[in-house]
Structures are given as C-alpha cells and as structure tokens.
Amino acid sequence: MLKIAVSNTNPGTIFVLSGRLAGPWVDEVRNCWLKQKKHESAPCHVDLREVTFIDEAGTRLLSQMYRQGVTIQASGCLTRAIVQNLDKTGVHKHG
C-alpha cells in the first residue's frame, strides 16, 4: 500500500510518499505526477523519506521523473541505498 500526499507550494508541488512504491502504486504515482505536470510548470519534488520499499518499476519511474527535472529526497538505509544506486543512472538525491 502507498499513501500519496500532494502539497502545492510556492513555487511547485511536493509529493510525499508513504509505504511501498511498487506494483499498481507506481502507476498511481505516475498518473498524479503527469496530471500535475500537465497543469503546472512549477518545480516538482518527491519526498521518499517514508517509503519502505521500491520495486524495479518504481525505480524506473523515479529515473524518468528525475530526467524531467523532479528532485528526490530519501532517508533511511534501504531507500538511501536505492536512490544512491539510481544516482549513477540519473536519479538526483537530497538529504
């Protein structure tokens, strides 16, 4: 299960994800992001600090989002390790 909290800030949008970025939840995050992107050109940020698992599809989505200018924040051993490995392929990490 994944909880997606969306906050509109000045400027931009923050997606705070909690739970597992896996399976059907990856498509849900993609749909939320594409909807935001369609209606707003301001910066987008993804907060993964409360994510407990990221599968391969989630990894691909994060990489795609990064290539489109999204910043990504992670903490915790598992999520940081995933994001650090992704950084080699183009995912930007913060914190």
C-alpha atoms as a PDB file:
ATOM      1  CA  MET A   1       0.000   0.000   0.000  1.00  0.00           C
ATOM      2  CA  LEU A   2       1.120   3.547  -0.687  1.00  0.00           C
ATOM      3  CA  LYS A   3      -0.133   6.878   0.582  1.00  0.00           C
ATOM      4  CA  ILE A   4       0.392   9.852  -1.716  1.00  0.00           C
ATOM      5  CA  ALA A   5       0.112  13.319  -0.155  1.00  0.00           C
ATOM      6  CA  VAL A   6       0.300  16.217  -2.599  1.00  0.00           C
ATOM      7  CA  SER A   7       1.129  19.722  -1.409  1.00  0.00           C
ATOM      8  CA  ASN A   8       1.123  22.739  -3.664  1.00  0.00           C
ATOM      9  CA  THR A   9       3.799  25.175  -2.563  1.00  0.00           C
ATOM     10  CA  ASN A  10       5.060  28.443  -3.925  1.00  0.00           C
ATOM     11  CA  PRO A  11       6.546  27.530  -6.305  1.00  0.00           C
ATOM     12  CA  GLY A  12       5.918  23.913  -7.113  1.00  0.00           C
ATOM     13  CA  THR A  13       4.397  20.684  -5.931  1.00  0.00           C
ATOM     14  CA  ILE A  14       5.628  18.194  -3.334  1.00  0.00           C
ATOM     15  CA  PHE A  15       4.639  14.531  -3.461  1.00  0.00           C
ATOM     16  CA  VAL A  16       5.149  12.855  -0.082  1.00  0.00           C
ATOM     17  CA  LEU A  17       5.033   9.082  -0.495  1.00  0.00           C
ATOM     18  CA  SER A  18       4.495   6.699   2.435  1.00  0.00           C
ATOM     19  CA  GLY A  19       4.641   2.914   2.126  1.00  0.00           C
ATOM     20  CA  ARG A  20       5.626   0.775  -0.859  1.00  0.00           C
ATOM     21  CA  LEU A  21       6.387   2.251  -4.271  1.00  0.00           C
ATOM     22  CA  ALA A  22       5.605  -0.995  -6.068  1.00  0.00           C
ATOM     23  CA  GLY A  23       3.086  -2.723  -8.301  1.00  0.00           C
ATOM     24  CA  PRO A  24      -0.060  -0.756  -9.131  1.00  0.00           C
ATOM     25  CA  TRP A  25       1.050   2.123  -6.884  1.00  0.00           C
ATOM     26  CA  VAL A  26       3.775   3.034  -9.374  1.00  0.00           C
ATOM     27  CA  ASP A  27       1.117   3.785 -11.993  1.00  0.00           C
ATOM     28  CA  GLU A  28      -0.840   5.805  -9.431  1.00  0.00           C
ATOM     29  CA  VAL A  29       2.204   7.981  -8.683  1.00  0.00           C
ATOM     30  CA  ARG A  30       2.894   8.329 -12.428  1.00  0.00           C
ATOM     31  CA  ASN A  31      -0.707   9.448 -13.051  1.00  0.00           C
ATOM     32  CA  CYS A  32      -0.579  12.014 -10.218  1.00  0.00           C
ATOM     33  CA  TRP A  33       2.744  13.360 -11.475  1.00  0.00           C
ATOM     34  CA  LEU A  34       1.630  13.587 -15.122  1.00  0.00           C
ATOM     35  CA  LYS A  35      -1.596  15.324 -14.071  1.00  0.00           C
ATOM     36  CA  GLN A  36       0.417  17.869 -12.040  1.00  0.00           C
ATOM     37  CA  LYS A  37       2.890  18.335 -14.866  1.00  0.00           C
ATOM     38  CA  LYS A  38       0.098  18.960 -17.365  1.00  0.00           C
ATOM     39  CA  HIS A  39      -1.468  21.725 -15.257  1.00  0.00           C
ATOM     40  CA  GLU A  40       1.586  23.317 -13.662  1.00  0.00           C
ATOM     41  CA  SER A  41       5.055  24.117 -14.938  1.00  0.00           C
ATOM     42  CA  ALA A  42       6.494  24.879 -11.476  1.00  0.00           C
ATOM     43  CA  PRO A  43       9.143  22.586  -9.929  1.00  0.00           C
ATOM     44  CA  CYS A  44       8.188  19.181  -8.588  1.00  0.00           C
ATOM     45  CA  HIS A  45       9.738  17.404  -5.607  1.00  0.00           C
ATOM     46  CA  VAL A  46       9.279  13.797  -4.404  1.00  0.00           C
ATOM     47  CA  ASP A  47       9.814  13.000  -0.711  1.00  0.00           C
ATOM     48  CA  LEU A  48      10.622   9.300  -0.202  1.00  0.00           C
ATOM     49  CA  ARG A  49      11.505   9.553   3.490  1.00  0.00           C
ATOM     50  CA  GLU A  50       8.516   7.395   4.471  1.00  0.00           C
ATOM     51  CA  VAL A  51       8.865   4.837   1.665  1.00  0.00           C
ATOM     52  CA  THR A  52       9.711   1.323   2.868  1.00  0.00           C
ATOM     53  CA  PHE A  53      10.217  -0.459  -0.484  1.00  0.00           C
ATOM     54  CA  ILE A  54      10.795   0.458  -4.139  1.00  0.00           C
ATOM     55  CA  ASP A  55      10.457  -2.174  -6.872  1.00  0.00           C
ATOM     56  CA  GLU A  56      12.001  -2.094 -10.346  1.00  0.00           C
ATOM     57  CA  ALA A  57       9.020  -0.258 -11.869  1.00  0.00           C
ATOM     58  CA  GLY A  58       9.235   2.334  -9.089  1.00  0.00           C
ATOM     59  CA  THR A  59      12.936   2.747  -9.786  1.00  0.00           C
ATOM     60  CA  ARG A  60      12.250   3.331 -13.489  1.00  0.00           C
ATOM     61  CA  LEU A  61       9.570   5.912 -12.663  1.00  0.00           C
ATOM     62  CA  LEU A  62      11.904   7.798 -10.324  1.00  0.00           C
ATOM     63  CA  SER A  63      14.557   7.847 -13.035  1.00  0.00           C
ATOM     64  CA  GLN A  64      12.062   9.168 -15.570  1.00  0.00           C
ATOM     65  CA  MET A  65      10.863  11.838 -13.155  1.00  0.00           C
ATOM     66  CA  TYR A  66      14.422  12.940 -12.444  1.00  0.00           C
ATOM     67  CA  ARG A  67      15.216  13.276 -16.144  1.00  0.00           C
ATOM     68  CA  GLN A  68      12.213  15.612 -16.338  1.00  0.00           C
ATOM     69  CA  GLY A  69      13.538  17.849 -13.548  1.00  0.00           C
ATOM     70  CA  VAL A  70      11.975  16.351 -10.399  1.00  0.00           C
ATOM     71  CA  THR A  71      14.119  16.447  -7.248  1.00  0.00           C
ATOM     72  CA  ILE A  72      14.051  13.396  -4.978  1.00  0.00           C
ATOM     73  CA  GLN A  73      14.604  13.249  -1.212  1.00  0.00           C
ATOM     74  CA  ALA A  74      15.313   9.994   0.625  1.00  0.00           C
ATOM     75  CA  SER A  75      16.337   8.836   4.087  1.00  0.00           C
ATOM     76  CA  GLY A  76      16.683   5.516   5.829  1.00  0.00           C
ATOM     77  CA  CYS A  77      19.133   2.801   4.884  1.00  0.00           C
ATOM     78  CA  LEU A  78      17.074   0.984   2.275  1.00  0.00           C
ATOM     79  CA  THR A  79      15.701   3.976   0.421  1.00  0.00           C
ATOM     80  CA  ARG A  80      19.003   5.875   0.516  1.00  0.00           C
ATOM     81  CA  ALA A  81      20.837   2.858  -0.895  1.00  0.00           C
ATOM     82  CA  ILE A  82      18.336   2.544  -3.733  1.00  0.00           C
ATOM     83  CA  VAL A  83      18.492   6.252  -4.522  1.00  0.00           C
ATOM     84  CA  GLN A  84      22.295   6.280  -4.315  1.00  0.00           C
ATOM     85  CA  ASN A  85      22.456   3.437  -6.823  1.00  0.00           C
ATOM     86  CA  LEU A  86      19.966   5.250  -9.019  1.00  0.00           C
ATOM     87  CA  ASP A  87      22.117   8.359  -8.891  1.00  0.00           C
ATOM     88  CA  LYS A  88      24.571   6.505 -11.121  1.00  0.00           C
ATOM     89  CA  THR A  89      21.829   6.239 -13.742  1.00  0.00           C
ATOM     90  CA  GLY A  90      20.430   9.727 -13.344  1.00  0.00           C
ATOM     91  CA  VAL A  91      18.297   9.995 -10.204  1.00  0.00           C
ATOM     92  CA  HIS A  92      19.152  13.021  -8.057  1.00  0.00           C
ATOM     93  CA  LYS A  93      19.050  12.649  -4.316  1.00  0.00           C
ATOM     94  CA  HIS A  94      18.721  15.090  -1.412  1.00  0.00           C
ATOM     95  CA  GLY A  95      19.220  14.568   2.317  1.00  0.00           C
END
